[in-house]
Protein backbone atom coordinates (compact mmCIF):
# COMPACT_ATOMS: atom_id res chain seq x y z
CA UNK A 1 75.86 127.39 76.15
CA UNK A 2 74.34 125.58 79.01
CA UNK A 3 72.24 123.04 80.56
CA UNK A 4 69.46 124.86 82.58
CA UNK A 5 67.22 121.91 83.35
CA UNK A 6 68.77 121.65 87.02
CA UNK A 7 68.29 123.42 90.01
CA UNK A 8 72.09 124.06 89.90
CA UNK A 9 72.79 125.70 86.68
CA UNK A 10 75.96 124.95 84.47
CA UNK A 11 77.22 126.69 81.49
CA UNK A 12 80.18 127.58 79.65
CA UNK A 13 81.74 129.87 76.74
CA UNK A 14 84.39 129.59 74.25
CA UNK A 15 84.48 133.00 73.30
CA UNK A 16 87.73 134.72 73.13
CA UNK A 17 86.53 138.01 73.90
CA UNK A 18 86.20 138.42 77.74
CA UNK A 19 82.88 140.56 77.58
CA UNK A 20 81.11 138.12 75.55
CA UNK A 21 82.33 135.23 77.53
CA UNK A 22 81.48 136.83 80.82
CA UNK A 23 78.00 137.55 79.39
CA UNK A 24 77.55 134.07 77.94
CA UNK A 25 78.44 132.49 81.29
CA UNK A 26 76.06 134.84 83.02
CA UNK A 27 73.03 134.17 80.33
CA UNK A 28 73.54 130.42 81.47
CA UNK A 29 74.05 130.30 85.06
CA UNK A 30 72.68 133.80 86.39
CA UNK A 31 69.53 133.25 88.70
CA UNK A 32 68.29 135.98 90.71
CA UNK A 33 68.49 133.60 93.79
CA UNK A 34 71.79 132.33 93.75
CA UNK A 35 73.84 131.91 96.93
CA UNK A 36 77.01 131.63 95.25
CA UNK A 37 78.60 131.17 91.64
CA UNK A 38 81.78 129.49 90.84
CA UNK A 39 84.02 129.61 87.48
CA UNK A 40 87.13 128.44 86.24
CA UNK A 41 88.80 130.52 83.41
CA UNK A 42 91.89 129.93 81.10
CA UNK A 43 94.73 132.33 81.37
CA UNK A 44 94.39 132.99 77.86
CA UNK A 45 92.02 135.74 78.92
CA UNK A 46 93.19 138.94 79.93
CA UNK A 47 92.73 138.22 83.65
CA UNK A 48 91.72 142.18 84.58
CA UNK A 49 89.48 142.21 81.79
CA UNK A 50 87.61 139.10 82.46
CA UNK A 51 87.22 139.73 86.24
CA UNK A 52 85.87 143.18 85.66
CA UNK A 53 83.61 141.66 82.84
CA UNK A 54 82.15 139.08 85.57
CA UNK A 55 81.67 141.50 88.00
CA UNK A 56 79.40 143.83 85.63
CA UNK A 57 77.42 140.88 84.66
CA UNK A 58 76.77 139.00 87.99
CA UNK A 59 76.42 142.35 90.00
CA UNK A 60 75.79 141.62 93.77
CA UNK A 61 75.86 137.57 93.45
CA UNK A 62 78.80 136.34 95.13
CA UNK A 63 81.18 135.06 92.71
CA UNK A 64 84.49 132.84 93.20
CA UNK A 65 86.77 131.01 90.71
CA UNK A 66 90.08 130.67 89.59
CA UNK A 67 92.27 130.27 86.70
CA UNK A 68 93.07 126.84 85.18
CA UNK A 69 95.22 124.64 82.86
CA UNK A 70 92.25 123.32 81.11
CA UNK A 71 88.37 123.45 81.84
CA UNK A 72 85.81 120.70 82.29
CA UNK A 73 82.47 122.10 80.68
CA UNK A 74 78.97 120.79 80.36
CA UNK A 75 80.25 119.55 76.81
CA UNK A 76 83.42 117.78 78.43
CA UNK A 77 86.95 119.11 78.35
CA UNK A 78 87.84 122.36 76.80
CA UNK A 79 90.73 124.76 76.72
CA UNK A 80 90.95 128.53 76.58
CA UNK A 81 87.50 128.86 77.67
CA UNK A 82 85.44 129.97 80.79
CA UNK A 83 83.08 127.57 82.58
CA UNK A 84 81.12 127.58 85.95
CA UNK A 85 77.84 127.10 87.82
CA UNK A 86 75.46 128.70 90.13
CA UNK A 87 73.90 127.15 93.65
CA UNK A 88 70.38 128.32 94.24
CA UNK A 89 69.71 129.90 97.56
CA UNK A 90 66.64 127.60 98.48
CA UNK A 91 68.94 124.53 98.60
CA UNK A 92 72.31 125.73 99.32
CA UNK A 93 73.60 128.05 101.80
CA UNK A 94 77.57 129.25 101.31
CA UNK A 95 80.24 131.06 103.20
CA UNK A 96 83.71 132.15 101.80
CA UNK A 97 86.45 133.82 102.77
CA UNK A 98 90.19 134.48 101.29
CA UNK A 99 93.52 134.04 102.86
CA UNK A 100 96.21 136.27 101.55
CA UNK A 101 99.91 136.49 102.08
CA UNK A 102 100.15 132.64 101.76
CA UNK A 103 103.90 132.98 102.04
CA UNK A 104 103.51 134.27 105.77
CA UNK A 105 100.73 131.53 106.61
CA UNK A 106 100.67 130.13 110.07
CA UNK A 107 98.85 127.36 111.47
CA UNK A 108 96.80 129.58 114.06
CA UNK A 109 95.66 131.89 111.54
CA UNK A 110 94.00 129.09 109.35
CA UNK A 111 92.44 127.71 112.42
CA UNK A 112 91.07 131.21 113.39
CA UNK A 113 89.70 131.81 109.57
CA UNK A 114 88.20 128.43 109.74
CA UNK A 115 86.21 128.60 113.01
CA UNK A 116 85.31 132.09 112.16
CA UNK A 117 83.73 130.90 108.62
CA UNK A 118 81.85 128.03 110.33
CA UNK A 119 80.35 130.46 112.68
CA UNK A 120 79.20 132.70 109.94
CA UNK A 121 77.53 129.75 108.12
CA UNK A 122 75.85 128.55 111.22
CA UNK A 123 74.58 132.19 111.52
CA UNK A 124 73.18 131.92 108.00
CA UNK A 125 71.77 128.35 108.35
CA UNK A 126 72.10 126.20 111.55
CA UNK A 127 73.16 122.56 110.91
CA UNK A 128 69.98 120.26 110.49
CA UNK A 129 72.10 117.12 110.15
CA UNK A 130 75.83 116.07 110.98
CA UNK A 131 76.61 115.40 107.30
CA UNK A 132 74.99 118.55 105.78
CA UNK A 133 78.36 120.59 104.69
CA UNK A 134 81.33 120.11 102.97
CA UNK A 135 84.44 122.56 102.31
CA UNK A 136 86.12 123.54 99.01
CA UNK A 137 89.28 125.25 98.61
CA UNK A 138 90.98 126.76 95.60
CA UNK A 139 94.53 128.23 96.28
CA UNK A 140 97.43 129.67 94.18
CA UNK A 141 98.88 127.10 92.42
CA UNK A 142 102.72 128.49 92.42
CA UNK A 143 102.34 129.43 96.28
CA UNK A 144 104.18 126.08 97.31
CA UNK A 145 102.68 125.98 100.58
CA UNK A 146 99.40 123.85 99.99
CA UNK A 147 100.33 121.24 102.49
CA UNK A 148 100.41 123.66 105.62
CA UNK A 149 97.24 125.52 104.55
CA UNK A 150 95.12 122.47 103.89
CA UNK A 151 96.60 120.81 107.01
CA UNK A 152 95.68 123.51 109.22
CA UNK A 153 91.95 124.26 107.65
CA UNK A 154 91.22 120.57 107.78
CA UNK A 155 92.16 120.25 111.66
CA UNK A 156 89.71 123.03 112.35
CA UNK A 157 86.81 121.77 110.27
CA UNK A 158 85.92 119.08 112.67
CA UNK A 159 83.73 116.35 110.74
CA UNK A 160 83.43 118.50 107.45
CA UNK A 161 85.09 117.01 104.56
CA UNK A 162 87.43 119.15 102.57
CA UNK A 163 88.53 119.03 98.95
CA UNK A 164 89.97 121.27 96.30
CA UNK A 165 92.79 122.48 93.67
CA UNK A 166 95.25 124.53 93.10
CA UNK A 167 95.13 127.19 90.13
CA UNK A 168 96.84 126.79 87.00
CA UNK A 169 98.17 128.73 83.98
CA UNK A 170 98.22 126.36 81.10
CA UNK A 171 101.59 124.80 82.13
CA UNK A 172 103.37 128.06 81.99
CA UNK A 173 104.18 127.94 85.73
CA UNK A 174 104.33 131.70 85.65
CA UNK A 175 101.36 133.19 87.82
CA UNK A 176 98.30 131.69 89.00
CA UNK A 177 95.18 133.36 90.56
CA UNK A 178 92.01 132.99 92.60
CA UNK A 179 89.03 135.24 92.34
CA UNK A 180 87.19 136.68 95.30
CA UNK A 181 85.58 139.68 96.40
CA UNK A 182 85.45 140.96 92.68
CA UNK A 183 89.08 140.68 91.81
CA UNK A 184 91.75 138.14 91.15
CA UNK A 185 94.42 137.64 93.70
CA UNK A 186 98.00 135.74 93.87
CA UNK A 187 99.72 134.21 96.98
CA UNK A 188 96.02 133.80 98.30
CA UNK A 189 93.30 130.82 98.82
CA UNK A 190 89.54 131.02 98.97
CA UNK A 191 87.95 128.52 101.31
CA UNK A 192 84.24 127.83 101.13
CA UNK A 193 81.73 126.03 103.20
CA UNK A 194 78.55 125.00 101.43
CA UNK A 195 75.59 123.56 103.70
CA UNK A 196 72.59 121.62 101.82
CA UNK A 197 69.80 119.00 102.44
CA UNK A 198 70.92 117.61 99.07
CA UNK A 199 72.56 114.39 99.29
CA UNK A 200 76.49 114.60 98.29
CA UNK A 201 79.69 112.88 98.41
CA UNK A 202 83.17 113.94 98.46
CA UNK A 203 85.62 111.58 96.74
CA UNK A 204 88.78 111.06 95.07
CA UNK A 205 90.31 108.52 92.72
CA UNK A 206 94.01 107.75 91.15
CA UNK A 207 94.73 104.96 88.82
CA UNK A 208 98.21 104.18 89.79
CA UNK A 209 100.05 101.43 91.39
CA UNK A 210 103.53 100.96 92.83
CA UNK A 211 106.43 98.80 90.72
CA UNK A 212 108.44 98.56 93.57
CA UNK A 213 111.40 100.37 92.05
CA UNK A 214 112.38 102.78 94.88
CA UNK A 215 113.88 105.81 94.74
CA UNK A 216 115.34 107.44 97.90
CA UNK A 217 115.60 111.15 97.89
CA UNK A 218 119.31 112.09 98.81
CA UNK A 219 119.19 115.58 98.12
CA UNK A 220 116.46 118.26 98.18
CA UNK A 221 115.42 121.83 98.90
CA UNK A 222 112.20 121.42 100.68
CA UNK A 223 111.14 125.04 100.30
CA UNK A 224 111.24 124.98 96.47
CA UNK A 225 110.26 121.39 96.16
CA UNK A 226 113.21 120.78 94.20
CA UNK A 227 115.20 117.25 94.41
CA UNK A 228 118.84 117.43 93.17
CA UNK A 229 119.78 113.66 94.05
CA UNK A 230 118.00 110.48 93.85
CA UNK A 231 119.88 107.29 95.11
CA UNK A 232 122.91 109.52 95.50
CA UNK A 233 122.86 110.08 91.80
CA UNK A 234 121.56 113.36 89.76
CA UNK A 235 117.87 113.29 90.12
CA UNK A 236 116.62 113.61 86.37
CA UNK A 237 119.61 111.31 85.36
CA UNK A 238 118.47 108.54 87.98
CA UNK A 239 114.64 109.14 87.45
CA UNK A 240 115.26 108.69 83.52
CA UNK A 241 117.28 105.38 84.10
CA UNK A 242 114.70 103.97 86.45
CA UNK A 243 111.78 104.40 84.00
CA UNK A 244 113.98 103.12 80.95
CA UNK A 245 114.45 106.34 79.15
CA UNK A 246 117.32 108.76 78.16
CA UNK A 247 117.14 111.91 80.40
CA UNK A 248 116.76 114.11 77.07
CA UNK A 249 113.26 112.57 76.59
CA UNK A 250 111.82 113.80 79.92
CA UNK A 251 109.11 116.04 79.56
CA UNK A 252 105.70 116.71 81.25
CA UNK A 253 104.14 113.85 79.15
CA UNK A 254 106.63 111.41 80.67
CA UNK A 255 106.08 112.59 83.96
CA UNK A 256 102.46 111.93 83.62
CA UNK A 257 103.08 108.44 82.26
CA UNK A 258 105.69 107.71 84.88
CA UNK A 259 104.76 109.35 88.24
CA UNK A 260 106.07 108.57 91.63
CA UNK A 261 104.20 107.49 94.89
CA UNK A 262 104.84 107.76 98.22
CA UNK A 263 103.21 105.64 101.30
CA UNK A 264 101.51 107.68 104.10
CA UNK A 265 99.40 105.86 106.79
CA UNK A 266 99.33 102.63 104.80
CA UNK A 267 98.09 104.73 101.40
CA UNK A 268 99.91 105.10 98.41
CA UNK A 269 99.85 109.02 97.12
CA UNK A 270 101.32 110.48 93.91
CA UNK A 271 104.06 112.91 93.97
CA UNK A 272 104.21 114.31 90.75
CA UNK A 273 107.18 115.66 89.00
CA UNK A 274 106.63 119.30 87.51
CA UNK A 275 109.75 119.92 85.56
CA UNK A 276 113.60 119.25 84.78
CA UNK A 277 115.63 122.30 85.58
CA UNK A 278 118.78 123.04 83.74
CA UNK A 279 121.08 121.88 86.74
CA UNK A 280 119.42 118.35 86.13
CA UNK A 281 117.48 118.62 89.31
CA UNK A 282 113.79 117.75 89.57
CA UNK A 283 110.88 120.33 90.55
CA UNK A 284 108.03 118.52 92.18
CA UNK A 285 104.16 119.59 92.63
CA UNK A 286 104.04 118.50 96.21
CA UNK A 287 106.37 118.82 99.34
CA UNK A 288 109.45 116.73 99.04
CA UNK A 289 112.38 116.31 101.65
CA UNK A 290 115.34 114.11 101.95
CA UNK A 291 115.05 110.68 102.92
CA UNK A 292 111.64 110.32 101.72
CA UNK A 293 111.47 106.76 99.88
CA UNK A 294 109.33 107.05 96.29
CA UNK A 295 108.46 104.37 94.16
CA UNK A 296 107.97 104.33 90.56
CA UNK A 297 104.61 103.84 89.62
CA UNK A 298 102.36 102.04 86.89
CA UNK A 299 99.04 103.22 85.48
CA UNK A 300 95.95 101.17 85.57
CA UNK A 301 93.07 101.98 82.86
CA UNK A 302 92.18 105.56 83.58
CA UNK A 303 88.84 105.37 81.65
CA UNK A 304 87.69 102.15 83.66
CA UNK A 305 89.02 103.41 86.99
CA UNK A 306 86.96 106.77 86.62
CA UNK A 307 83.72 104.85 85.11
CA UNK A 308 84.06 102.63 88.34
CA UNK A 309 84.58 105.35 90.88
CA UNK A 310 81.55 107.63 89.20
CA UNK A 311 79.24 104.52 89.05
CA UNK A 312 79.90 104.04 92.90
CA UNK A 313 79.05 107.56 93.63
CA UNK A 314 75.92 107.51 91.48
CA UNK A 315 74.86 104.59 93.36
CA UNK A 316 75.28 106.10 96.58
CA UNK A 317 73.48 109.57 95.97
CA UNK A 318 71.68 108.86 92.61
CA UNK A 319 72.39 110.61 89.29
CA UNK A 320 74.61 113.83 90.33
CA UNK A 321 73.14 117.26 89.39
CA UNK A 322 76.76 118.46 89.71
CA UNK A 323 80.10 117.15 90.13
CA UNK A 324 82.48 119.97 90.99
CA UNK A 325 85.77 118.32 90.11
CA UNK A 326 89.53 119.06 90.31
CA UNK A 327 91.43 117.13 87.82
CA UNK A 328 95.30 117.15 87.64
CA UNK A 329 96.80 118.72 84.55
CA UNK A 330 98.87 115.68 84.24
CA UNK A 331 95.75 113.43 84.03
CA UNK A 332 94.90 115.81 81.10
CA UNK A 333 98.14 115.26 79.40
CA UNK A 334 97.71 111.37 79.77
CA UNK A 335 94.59 111.47 78.00
CA UNK A 336 95.70 113.57 75.23
CA UNK A 337 98.68 111.27 74.78
CA UNK A 338 96.31 108.12 74.71
CA UNK A 339 94.07 109.94 72.56
CA UNK A 340 90.86 109.29 74.57
CA UNK A 341 90.21 112.69 76.09
CA UNK A 342 86.89 113.22 74.22
CA UNK A 343 85.57 109.83 75.67
CA UNK A 344 86.54 110.63 79.21
CA UNK A 345 85.19 114.25 78.37
CA UNK A 346 81.82 112.59 77.44
CA UNK A 347 81.86 110.36 80.65
CA UNK A 348 82.29 113.88 82.74
CA UNK A 349 79.55 115.56 80.83
CA UNK A 350 77.12 112.45 81.57
CA UNK A 351 77.65 112.95 85.15
CA UNK A 352 77.19 116.80 84.97
CA UNK A 353 80.83 117.74 85.73
CA UNK A 354 82.28 121.26 86.00
CA UNK A 355 85.74 121.83 87.01
CA UNK A 356 89.21 122.46 85.83
CA UNK A 357 92.87 120.96 85.33
CA UNK A 358 94.49 121.80 88.40
CA UNK A 359 98.35 122.13 89.47
CA UNK A 360 97.73 119.80 92.55
CA UNK A 361 94.81 118.53 94.35
CA UNK A 362 93.38 118.83 98.22
CA UNK A 363 91.81 115.99 99.71
CA UNK A 364 90.97 116.05 103.56
CA UNK A 365 94.18 116.80 105.14
CA UNK A 366 96.38 116.23 101.93
CA UNK A 367 97.79 117.77 99.02
CA UNK A 368 98.10 115.35 96.29
CA UNK A 369 98.75 114.97 92.76
CA UNK A 370 97.53 113.36 89.28
CA UNK A 371 94.22 112.57 91.11
CA UNK A 372 90.55 113.45 90.28
CA UNK A 373 88.83 114.84 93.27
CA UNK A 374 85.63 116.45 93.99
CA UNK A 375 81.98 116.24 95.43
CA UNK A 376 79.18 114.68 93.67
CA UNK A 377 75.82 116.38 94.44
CA UNK A 378 72.41 114.90 93.90
CA UNK A 379 69.06 115.93 93.85
CA UNK A 380 67.01 116.37 97.20
CA UNK A 381 64.28 114.21 97.70
CA UNK A 382 61.04 116.04 98.67
């Protein structure tokens, strides 16, 4: 199933069999002059089988991707599916590299890799204007080091905007994967530079505002992103009190409805809670430390917010050929809870979005939560 009328080909498959799913995706987005194909897949597939099937179908065409907690397809939101798109070489020049052993990542190694990747792209296609390139990163969503990785890469990119997402595994929080060089990898990230004459806009949006209810982190383990105490009280108990619920009701759906925000550089960023642990502590999707002041947030209408943001993007670059989008899995849960997921999926479809539900999003130098971030790519004027 695909929309093949654009230069950028988009497609997806809901076939549960990996062989048939890979073949259907290739039939949708395969093109002889593709410079890069990007896919997102459910962990309901056998990861090894679908990886091998994609290699067989796409052959020598460069293919990258990652696992998800839900997919954004040409038909809107999906689950248990495979979706992706391909860039034509005449309009898009791409260079990708993988970072392995994220647990041993250093700022210096991130700088070196990024500089080498820029040099590789310049060799393929010299810059023709200052704003002709964007960077996209996919990273193991269980690595717990997105902050240091994205900060290092962004600082070496110069004026190149960066966005991306953390791979998911359908809320199992077990193992997540990125795909590069014909195989799936854990403890890894894939960074891609794309150079194009087409107009594009890297953007992000969130739909939460601070309520003023403050939460001071008084006990935390930054390495595991775990908070044991809030306001000198057991973390889960105090969070539940502040949102007006019993501790026994805390769940991913509640965390999606009542996130917390932290102010950085005058801007509020969501710090989403992942789960309650048996000892009453809270695990977060983002870096957390003692002394941080968090504030309980309230949501505005998610559909209205997204319509406004995408409308402004369209005014700037015209109707997108593609929006490559990274949409937090907690937003997906909120859409399900409010029973508006089909309507928001239709909006995504109208703007030609392809993407995935993430365990966190990257935007410029920040690792954030409960946002929708991406790049919108328009048509090149002749």
